[in-house]
Protein backbone atom coordinates (compact mmCIF):
# COMPACT_ATOMS: atom_id res chain seq x y z
CA MET A 1 8.24 49.73 -79.04
CA TYR A 2 10.49 52.18 -77.20
CA LYS A 3 13.45 50.55 -75.48
CA VAL A 4 14.55 53.63 -73.51
CA LEU A 5 12.26 56.14 -71.80
CA ALA A 6 13.61 59.39 -70.35
CA VAL A 7 11.59 60.83 -67.46
CA SER A 8 11.50 64.32 -65.99
CA GLY A 9 9.13 66.88 -64.56
CA TYR A 10 8.75 69.52 -61.93
CA LYS A 11 10.96 69.97 -58.89
CA PRO A 12 9.15 69.63 -55.52
CA HIS A 13 9.02 73.40 -54.85
CA GLU A 14 7.47 73.97 -58.30
CA LEU A 15 4.61 71.72 -57.18
CA GLY A 16 4.31 73.37 -53.76
CA ILE A 17 5.73 70.26 -52.06
CA PHE A 18 8.19 71.20 -49.34
CA ASN A 19 8.41 67.95 -47.36
CA GLU A 20 7.69 64.22 -47.58
CA LYS A 21 4.51 64.62 -45.52
CA HIS A 22 2.69 66.78 -48.10
CA GLU A 23 -0.92 65.59 -48.37
CA TYR A 24 -0.79 65.03 -52.15
CA LEU A 25 2.69 63.54 -52.50
CA ASP A 26 1.49 59.94 -52.20
CA TYR A 27 -1.14 60.60 -54.89
CA LEU A 28 1.49 62.09 -57.16
CA LYS A 29 3.82 59.12 -56.63
CA THR A 30 0.92 56.77 -57.37
CA ALA A 31 0.13 58.67 -60.59
CA ILE A 32 3.78 58.45 -61.68
CA ARG A 33 3.90 54.71 -60.94
CA LYS A 34 0.60 54.14 -62.80
CA LYS A 35 1.82 56.05 -65.88
CA LEU A 36 5.17 54.22 -65.88
CA ARG A 37 3.41 50.86 -65.58
CA GLN A 38 1.14 51.73 -68.51
CA LEU A 39 4.06 52.81 -70.71
CA ILE A 40 6.24 49.82 -69.78
CA GLU A 41 3.42 47.45 -70.72
CA GLU A 42 2.33 49.32 -73.84
CA TYR A 43 5.77 50.01 -75.34
CA GLU A 44 7.88 47.18 -73.86
CA ILE A 45 10.27 49.68 -72.29
CA GLU A 46 13.52 48.14 -71.10
CA TRP A 47 15.29 51.16 -69.59
CA ILE A 48 14.16 54.26 -67.70
CA ILE A 49 16.63 57.17 -67.57
CA THR A 50 16.61 60.13 -65.19
CA SER A 51 19.30 62.52 -64.04
CA GLY A 52 18.30 61.96 -60.41
CA GLN A 53 17.10 65.53 -59.89
CA PRO A 54 14.72 66.16 -56.94
CA GLY A 55 11.00 65.81 -57.60
CA VAL A 56 9.50 63.85 -60.46
CA GLU A 57 12.82 62.33 -61.52
CA LEU A 58 13.65 60.86 -58.11
CA TRP A 59 10.04 59.79 -57.53
CA ALA A 60 9.97 58.06 -60.93
CA ALA A 61 13.29 56.34 -60.18
CA GLU A 62 11.91 55.22 -56.82
CA ALA A 63 8.84 53.81 -58.63
CA VAL A 64 11.01 51.92 -61.13
CA ILE A 65 13.00 50.35 -58.28
CA SER A 66 9.75 49.21 -56.64
CA MET A 67 8.50 47.70 -59.94
CA LYS A 68 11.60 45.63 -60.75
CA GLN A 69 10.04 42.45 -59.31
CA GLU A 70 7.04 42.96 -61.57
CA TYR A 71 8.75 44.10 -64.80
CA PRO A 72 12.13 43.42 -66.42
CA VAL A 73 12.90 47.16 -66.51
CA LYS A 74 16.27 48.72 -65.70
CA LEU A 75 17.07 52.12 -64.25
CA ALA A 76 19.85 54.42 -65.40
CA THR A 77 20.74 57.50 -63.36
CA LEU A 78 22.86 59.93 -65.37
CA ALA A 79 23.80 62.83 -63.10
CA PRO A 80 24.69 66.08 -64.84
CA PHE A 81 27.89 66.56 -62.77
CA PHE A 82 29.73 65.28 -59.69
CA GLU A 83 28.08 65.86 -56.30
CA GLN A 84 24.84 67.32 -57.66
CA GLU A 85 23.24 66.48 -54.31
CA GLU A 86 25.62 68.44 -52.10
CA ARG A 87 23.19 71.36 -51.48
CA TRP A 88 20.01 69.32 -51.19
CA GLY A 89 18.07 68.68 -47.99
CA GLU A 90 18.78 65.54 -46.00
CA GLN A 91 15.64 63.62 -47.09
CA THR A 92 16.35 64.30 -50.76
CA LYS A 93 19.98 63.23 -50.34
CA ILE A 94 18.87 59.96 -48.74
CA LEU A 95 16.48 59.20 -51.61
CA TYR A 96 19.11 60.14 -54.20
CA GLU A 97 21.70 57.86 -52.57
CA LYS A 98 19.16 55.00 -52.54
CA VAL A 99 18.32 55.59 -56.21
CA TRP A 100 22.00 55.86 -57.15
CA SER A 101 22.91 52.64 -55.31
CA GLU A 102 19.95 50.68 -56.72
CA SER A 103 20.24 51.89 -60.33
CA ASP A 104 21.39 49.36 -62.90
CA TYR A 105 23.65 51.94 -64.48
CA THR A 106 25.06 55.22 -63.13
CA ASP A 107 27.35 57.82 -64.62
CA PHE A 108 28.13 61.53 -64.66
CA ILE A 109 27.53 63.35 -67.92
CA SER A 110 30.01 66.07 -67.04
CA LYS A 111 33.02 64.57 -65.28
CA ARG A 112 33.45 67.51 -62.90
CA LYS A 113 31.53 69.44 -60.22
CA TYR A 114 29.02 72.14 -61.12
CA GLU A 115 30.63 75.04 -62.96
CA HIS A 116 27.97 76.47 -65.26
CA SER A 117 24.34 76.09 -66.34
CA SER A 118 25.61 74.72 -69.65
CA GLN A 119 26.17 71.42 -67.80
CA LEU A 120 22.41 71.21 -67.23
CA ARG A 121 21.66 71.97 -70.89
CA MET A 122 24.20 69.32 -71.89
CA LYS A 123 22.46 66.84 -69.54
CA ASN A 124 19.07 67.52 -71.11
CA GLN A 125 20.39 67.04 -74.64
CA PHE A 126 22.41 63.95 -73.74
CA ILE A 127 19.48 62.16 -72.09
CA ILE A 128 17.08 63.05 -74.91
CA ASP A 129 19.65 61.81 -77.45
CA LYS A 130 20.04 58.49 -75.57
CA SER A 131 16.30 57.80 -75.29
CA ASP A 132 13.50 56.65 -77.61
CA ALA A 133 10.68 58.56 -75.88
CA PHE A 134 10.21 61.16 -73.14
CA LEU A 135 7.71 61.19 -70.26
CA VAL A 136 7.27 64.51 -68.52
CA LEU A 137 5.02 65.87 -65.80
CA TYR A 138 4.39 69.35 -67.13
CA ASP A 139 1.45 71.65 -67.67
CA GLU A 140 1.90 74.17 -70.48
CA LEU A 141 -0.01 76.70 -68.35
CA THR A 142 2.48 76.44 -65.46
CA GLU A 143 6.04 77.16 -66.51
CA GLY A 144 8.92 75.56 -64.70
CA SER A 145 12.24 73.77 -65.06
CA PRO A 146 10.88 70.98 -67.33
CA GLN A 147 10.46 73.49 -70.15
CA TYR A 148 14.20 73.24 -70.89
CA TYR A 149 14.01 69.47 -71.28
CA ILE A 150 10.87 69.82 -73.38
CA SER A 151 12.55 72.21 -75.80
CA CYS A 152 15.25 69.56 -76.49
CA ALA A 153 12.60 66.86 -76.79
CA LYS A 154 10.46 68.89 -79.20
CA LYS A 155 13.45 69.51 -81.49
CA LYS A 156 14.04 65.76 -81.65
CA GLN A 157 10.30 65.23 -82.09
CA GLU A 158 10.22 67.54 -85.13
CA ALA A 159 13.36 65.99 -86.64
CA ALA A 160 12.72 62.32 -85.94
CA GLY A 161 9.19 61.76 -84.65
CA TYR A 162 10.42 61.42 -81.05
CA PRO A 163 7.41 60.85 -78.74
CA VAL A 164 6.86 63.38 -75.95
CA ILE A 165 4.38 61.86 -73.51
CA TYR A 166 2.79 63.95 -70.77
CA LEU A 167 1.61 62.95 -67.33
CA THR A 168 -1.26 65.40 -67.16
CA PRO A 169 -2.93 67.15 -64.24
CA ASP A 170 -6.15 65.34 -65.25
CA GLU A 171 -4.42 61.96 -64.81
CA ILE A 172 -3.21 63.02 -61.37
CA ASP A 173 -6.71 64.23 -60.44
CA GLU A 174 -8.08 60.85 -61.58
CA VAL A 175 -5.66 59.03 -59.25
CA ILE A 176 -6.68 61.31 -56.37
CA ARG A 177 -10.37 60.55 -57.01
CA GLU A 178 -9.72 56.80 -57.27
CA GLU A 179 -7.62 56.71 -54.11
CA GLN A 180 -10.14 58.77 -52.15
CA GLU A 181 -13.03 56.60 -53.33
CA ASN A 182 -11.10 53.42 -52.42
CA SER A 183 -10.40 54.77 -48.95
CA GLY A 184 -14.01 55.83 -48.50
CA TRP A 185 -13.00 59.46 -48.19
CA ASN A 186 -15.32 61.85 -50.05
């Protein structure tokens, strides 16, 4: 049983997603929701933590909000610093504000605006320290921003058996196949 699951993964641009109308975004969101549902049921997860960053973190938070009627799971959004959203696009800001307002717990890890990349490293370490397991959308063959989170998670994994769980490209491909078969699109 893991009470607290941290979630992270690629940013939208790292996945080649530049707007909400991208043809595979709904599949990706479905894959995230499916993986979260599986882990909530299997490990009796009570809390999901993200930092509210664009991409996998916001999409996972959005999924948790939609599953609250179905599962007794709570959402914590722990932003790395004040006003992290100030340079984001309008659609991302809207989603972030929705996630922030509908989270069960919100806080800022650094109690000031962005000053240095060390605030992001501190965020990664803080969230890993506060969680019992880590779900990440990451492919070892495609580097990206999740690698920094993963390095913190792997240190905790080596020291304390901390589970690092991957949402794999194969799982996403499986969701795409299922969805296309269900819609009769081949």
